Amino acid sequence: MTEAAPIVFVVDDDPSVRHAIKRLMGSVGLPAELFGSAQEFLCSKRPDAPSCLVLDVRLPGKSGLDFQRELAEANVHIPIIFITGHGDIPMSVRAMKSGAVEFLTKPFRDQDLLDAVQLALDRDRVRRQQEAEIAALRERYESLTPREREVLPLVVSGLLNKQIAAEIGTSETTAKVHRSQLMRKMGAESLADLVRMAEKMGIPSQAPNRLRKNLVYDPQRLKAPLIYRQLRHA
């Protein structure tokens, strides 16, 4: 599947700055969309592609820092590069602590902005890939039966089939079938794979309390975290 072309969004109330940045991005083959205010950007229909936001700190009606916080609260994850002609250290520290990629003071070197944009786009590609992986895992998870979903956290806790069977009130053979089916549906080639998948989806291991005291952490057994073994089987 071909990745959509990356795009740079520019929010600055100075038209000359906006167009200068667009020309700079164009010189390296990057398209740019321009906005004079944060509200214009919010009202726009943005393409589903790797992107970043070049954002002026001082904007009419709302500061760039306030807009950064607003985007975070709205769960809009886009890497931000701040530019300003009136920056100070506390302002830059606040921006960077809130996740900004870079904080550039005008006049800045063209290459500094290009480097920051490349870093931001790479960061957004990684985020999009991770989200796509989780979405695919969630789709597989939805294909599981209710019983298989019940078994999954017990499996990733490292319980044996007979222990799982006792927990869900079925036979060891049936528990083994459930384990096999959920492994197949999730596309897991090993228990270690399944553990990693569960972690990515935020599904915790679920060893019962009465068994947990007999379990010990053993990262070497399956080369994956959160895998346990029974002491009596060590």
Protein backbone atom coordinates (compact mmCIF):
# COMPACT_ATOMS: atom_id res chain seq x y z
CA MET A 1 0.00 0.00 0.00
CA THR A 2 1.54 3.29 -1.13
CA GLU A 3 1.91 5.94 1.55
CA ALA A 4 0.22 9.27 0.86
CA ALA A 5 2.56 12.16 0.10
CA PRO A 6 3.54 14.12 3.22
CA ILE A 7 2.31 17.66 3.72
CA VAL A 8 3.36 20.65 5.80
CA PHE A 9 0.76 22.92 7.38
CA VAL A 10 1.75 26.50 8.13
CA VAL A 11 -0.19 28.70 10.56
CA ASP A 12 1.09 32.28 10.71
CA ASP A 13 -0.75 35.59 10.57
CA ASP A 14 1.97 37.15 8.38
CA PRO A 15 1.28 36.36 4.68
CA SER A 16 4.88 37.00 3.69
CA VAL A 17 6.13 34.46 6.21
CA ARG A 18 3.57 31.88 5.12
CA HIS A 19 4.48 32.17 1.46
CA ALA A 20 8.21 32.20 2.17
CA ILE A 21 7.85 28.91 4.03
CA LYS A 22 5.74 27.47 1.22
CA ARG A 23 8.46 28.34 -1.30
CA LEU A 24 11.08 26.78 0.95
CA MET A 25 9.09 23.57 1.30
CA GLY A 26 8.49 23.51 -2.44
CA SER A 27 12.25 23.69 -3.05
CA VAL A 28 12.57 20.21 -1.52
CA GLY A 29 9.39 18.82 -3.04
CA LEU A 30 7.13 19.19 -0.01
CA PRO A 31 3.63 20.66 -0.51
CA ALA A 32 2.42 23.18 2.07
CA GLU A 33 -1.03 24.41 3.04
CA LEU A 34 -1.25 27.89 4.50
CA PHE A 35 -3.52 29.30 7.22
CA GLY A 36 -3.72 32.75 8.77
CA SER A 37 -5.15 31.58 12.09
CA ALA A 38 -5.61 28.55 14.29
CA GLN A 39 -9.33 28.58 13.57
CA GLU A 40 -8.75 28.36 9.82
CA PHE A 41 -6.60 25.31 10.39
CA LEU A 42 -9.19 23.65 12.62
CA CYS A 43 -11.95 24.24 10.06
CA SER A 44 -9.93 22.79 7.18
CA LYS A 45 -10.27 19.26 5.85
CA ARG A 46 -6.83 17.79 6.18
CA PRO A 47 -5.64 14.86 4.05
CA ASP A 48 -4.87 11.49 5.60
CA ALA A 49 -1.09 11.69 5.20
CA PRO A 50 2.08 12.17 7.22
CA SER A 51 2.15 15.82 8.23
CA CYS A 52 3.50 18.43 10.59
CA LEU A 53 2.52 21.91 11.68
CA VAL A 54 4.75 24.98 11.45
CA LEU A 55 3.10 27.25 13.99
CA ASP A 56 3.71 30.87 14.94
CA VAL A 57 3.77 31.45 18.69
CA ARG A 58 1.93 34.78 18.47
CA LEU A 59 -1.41 34.47 16.71
CA PRO A 60 -4.49 36.71 16.72
CA GLY A 61 -6.98 35.64 19.36
CA LYS A 62 -5.08 32.57 20.55
CA SER A 63 -1.40 31.97 21.15
CA GLY A 64 0.39 29.11 19.47
CA LEU A 65 1.10 27.57 22.87
CA ASP A 66 -2.58 27.63 23.78
CA PHE A 67 -3.38 26.09 20.41
CA GLN A 68 -0.83 23.34 21.07
CA ARG A 69 -2.62 22.50 24.31
CA GLU A 70 -6.01 22.60 22.59
CA LEU A 71 -4.86 20.15 19.93
CA ALA A 72 -3.56 17.78 22.60
CA GLU A 73 -6.84 17.95 24.50
CA ALA A 74 -8.73 17.24 21.27
CA ASN A 75 -6.51 14.18 20.69
CA VAL A 76 -5.08 15.68 17.50
CA HIS A 77 -1.58 14.28 17.28
CA ILE A 78 0.45 16.32 14.84
CA PRO A 79 4.13 17.20 15.34
CA ILE A 80 4.57 20.95 15.87
CA ILE A 81 7.47 23.22 14.97
CA PHE A 82 7.18 26.62 16.61
CA ILE A 83 8.51 29.76 14.96
CA THR A 84 8.55 33.18 16.60
CA GLY A 85 10.13 36.60 16.46
CA HIS A 86 9.58 37.17 20.17
CA GLY A 87 10.62 33.96 21.88
CA ASP A 88 12.16 33.51 25.30
CA ILE A 89 13.55 30.58 27.23
CA PRO A 90 10.48 29.88 29.42
CA MET A 91 8.30 29.91 26.30
CA SER A 92 10.56 27.47 24.46
CA VAL A 93 10.79 25.19 27.50
CA ARG A 94 7.00 25.08 27.79
CA ALA A 95 6.65 24.27 24.10
CA MET A 96 9.22 21.50 24.14
CA LYS A 97 7.87 19.94 27.34
CA SER A 98 4.48 19.79 25.65
CA GLY A 99 5.95 17.80 22.78
CA ALA A 100 7.07 20.35 20.19
CA VAL A 101 9.68 19.09 17.75
CA GLU A 102 11.56 22.39 17.56
CA PHE A 103 11.35 26.03 18.64
CA LEU A 104 12.93 28.39 16.11
CA THR A 105 13.44 32.11 16.60
CA LYS A 106 13.13 34.39 13.57
CA PRO A 107 15.20 34.92 11.58
CA PHE A 108 16.16 31.25 11.40
CA ARG A 109 18.24 29.41 8.84
CA ASP A 110 16.29 27.68 6.10
CA GLN A 111 18.15 24.46 6.75
CA ASP A 112 17.17 24.51 10.42
CA LEU A 113 13.51 24.60 9.47
CA LEU A 114 13.94 21.93 6.79
CA ASP A 115 15.71 19.66 9.28
CA ALA A 116 12.96 20.19 11.85
CA VAL A 117 10.24 19.48 9.27
CA GLN A 118 11.96 16.24 8.21
CA LEU A 119 12.24 15.12 11.83
CA ALA A 120 8.58 15.97 12.43
CA LEU A 121 7.41 14.08 9.35
CA ASP A 122 9.48 11.03 10.33
CA ARG A 123 7.93 11.16 13.80
CA ASP A 124 4.44 11.33 12.32
CA ARG A 125 5.13 8.38 10.02
CA VAL A 126 6.11 6.28 13.02
CA ARG A 127 2.96 7.33 14.91
CA ARG A 128 0.73 6.50 11.94
CA GLN A 129 2.37 3.12 11.50
CA GLN A 130 1.90 2.28 15.17
CA GLU A 131 -1.75 3.33 15.06
CA ALA A 132 -2.30 1.23 11.93
CA GLU A 133 -0.76 -1.80 13.65
CA ILE A 134 -2.98 -1.37 16.70
CA ALA A 135 -6.06 -0.93 14.49
CA ALA A 136 -5.21 -4.17 12.68
CA LEU A 137 -4.76 -5.97 16.00
CA ARG A 138 -8.07 -4.61 17.24
CA GLU A 139 -9.76 -5.92 14.11
CA ARG A 140 -8.34 -9.38 14.75
CA TYR A 141 -9.38 -9.15 18.39
CA GLU A 142 -12.96 -8.40 17.32
CA SER A 143 -12.97 -11.71 15.41
CA LEU A 144 -12.49 -13.66 18.64
CA THR A 145 -15.45 -15.31 20.33
CA PRO A 146 -16.40 -14.08 23.83
CA ARG A 147 -14.82 -17.22 25.29
CA GLU A 148 -11.58 -16.69 23.36
CA ARG A 149 -11.43 -13.11 24.64
CA GLU A 150 -11.83 -14.46 28.15
CA VAL A 151 -9.00 -16.92 27.60
CA LEU A 152 -6.55 -14.46 26.01
CA PRO A 153 -5.47 -12.60 29.20
CA LEU A 154 -5.08 -15.93 30.97
CA VAL A 155 -2.88 -17.24 28.17
CA VAL A 156 -0.61 -14.16 28.20
CA SER A 157 -0.29 -14.58 31.98
CA GLY A 158 1.52 -17.84 31.27
CA LEU A 159 -1.10 -20.20 32.70
CA LEU A 160 -1.12 -23.82 31.63
CA ASN A 161 -4.09 -25.22 29.72
CA LYS A 162 -5.33 -27.13 32.77
CA GLN A 163 -5.17 -23.95 34.86
CA ILE A 164 -7.09 -22.01 32.22
CA ALA A 165 -9.64 -24.81 32.07
CA ALA A 166 -10.13 -24.61 35.83
CA GLU A 167 -10.60 -20.85 35.65
CA ILE A 168 -13.26 -20.89 32.92
CA GLY A 169 -14.92 -24.13 34.01
CA THR A 170 -14.19 -26.35 31.04
CA SER A 171 -11.98 -29.28 30.08
CA GLU A 172 -8.27 -29.02 29.43
CA THR A 173 -8.87 -30.14 25.83
CA THR A 174 -11.38 -27.35 25.26
CA ALA A 175 -9.02 -24.81 26.79
CA LYS A 176 -6.32 -26.01 24.42
CA VAL A 177 -8.66 -25.54 21.47
CA HIS A 178 -9.52 -22.00 22.59
CA ARG A 179 -5.82 -21.20 22.93
CA SER A 180 -5.07 -22.58 19.48
CA GLN A 181 -7.97 -20.72 17.88
CA LEU A 182 -7.15 -17.34 19.38
CA MET A 183 -3.48 -17.73 18.43
CA ARG A 184 -4.54 -18.45 14.84
CA LYS A 185 -7.04 -15.60 14.65
CA MET A 186 -4.60 -13.11 16.15
CA GLY A 187 -1.86 -14.22 13.75
CA ALA A 188 0.52 -14.98 16.60
CA GLU A 189 3.28 -17.46 15.77
CA SER A 190 4.29 -17.86 19.40
CA LEU A 191 3.20 -16.97 22.91
CA ALA A 192 5.76 -14.18 22.89
CA ASP A 193 4.04 -12.73 19.81
CA LEU A 194 0.68 -12.89 21.56
CA VAL A 195 2.05 -11.16 24.64
CA ARG A 196 3.40 -8.28 22.55
CA MET A 197 0.07 -7.97 20.76
CA ALA A 198 -1.84 -7.88 24.04
CA GLU A 199 0.51 -5.19 25.37
CA LYS A 200 0.01 -3.03 22.29
CA MET A 201 -3.76 -3.28 22.72
CA GLY A 202 -3.54 -2.54 26.43
CA ILE A 203 -4.87 -5.96 27.47
CA PRO A 204 -3.31 -6.89 30.83
CA SER A 205 -2.32 -10.36 31.91
CA GLN A 206 -4.88 -11.88 34.26
CA ALA A 207 -3.40 -14.47 36.54
CA PRO A 208 -5.84 -15.21 39.40
CA ASN A 209 -4.65 -14.07 42.82
CA ARG A 210 -4.49 -17.59 44.21
CA LEU A 211 -2.10 -18.55 41.39
CA ARG A 212 -0.19 -15.29 41.19
CA LYS A 213 1.69 -15.99 44.44
CA ASN A 214 3.10 -19.17 42.84
CA LEU A 215 4.28 -17.38 39.71
CA VAL A 216 7.67 -15.86 39.17
CA TYR A 217 8.83 -13.42 36.50
CA ASP A 218 10.94 -15.20 33.92
CA PRO A 219 11.87 -12.99 30.93
CA GLN A 220 14.20 -15.66 29.53
CA ARG A 221 11.57 -18.38 29.17
CA LEU A 222 9.91 -16.89 26.12
CA LYS A 223 12.06 -13.79 25.54
CA ALA A 224 9.08 -11.53 26.28
CA PRO A 225 7.84 -9.51 29.29
CA LEU A 226 4.95 -10.55 31.49
CA ILE A 227 5.56 -14.26 30.94
CA TYR A 228 5.50 -16.44 34.05
CA ARG A 229 6.15 -20.04 34.96
CA GLN A 230 5.06 -22.28 37.79
CA LEU A 231 7.80 -22.79 40.35
CA ARG A 232 7.00 -26.48 40.55
CA HIS A 233 7.70 -26.80 36.81
CA ALA A 234 11.02 -24.92 36.95
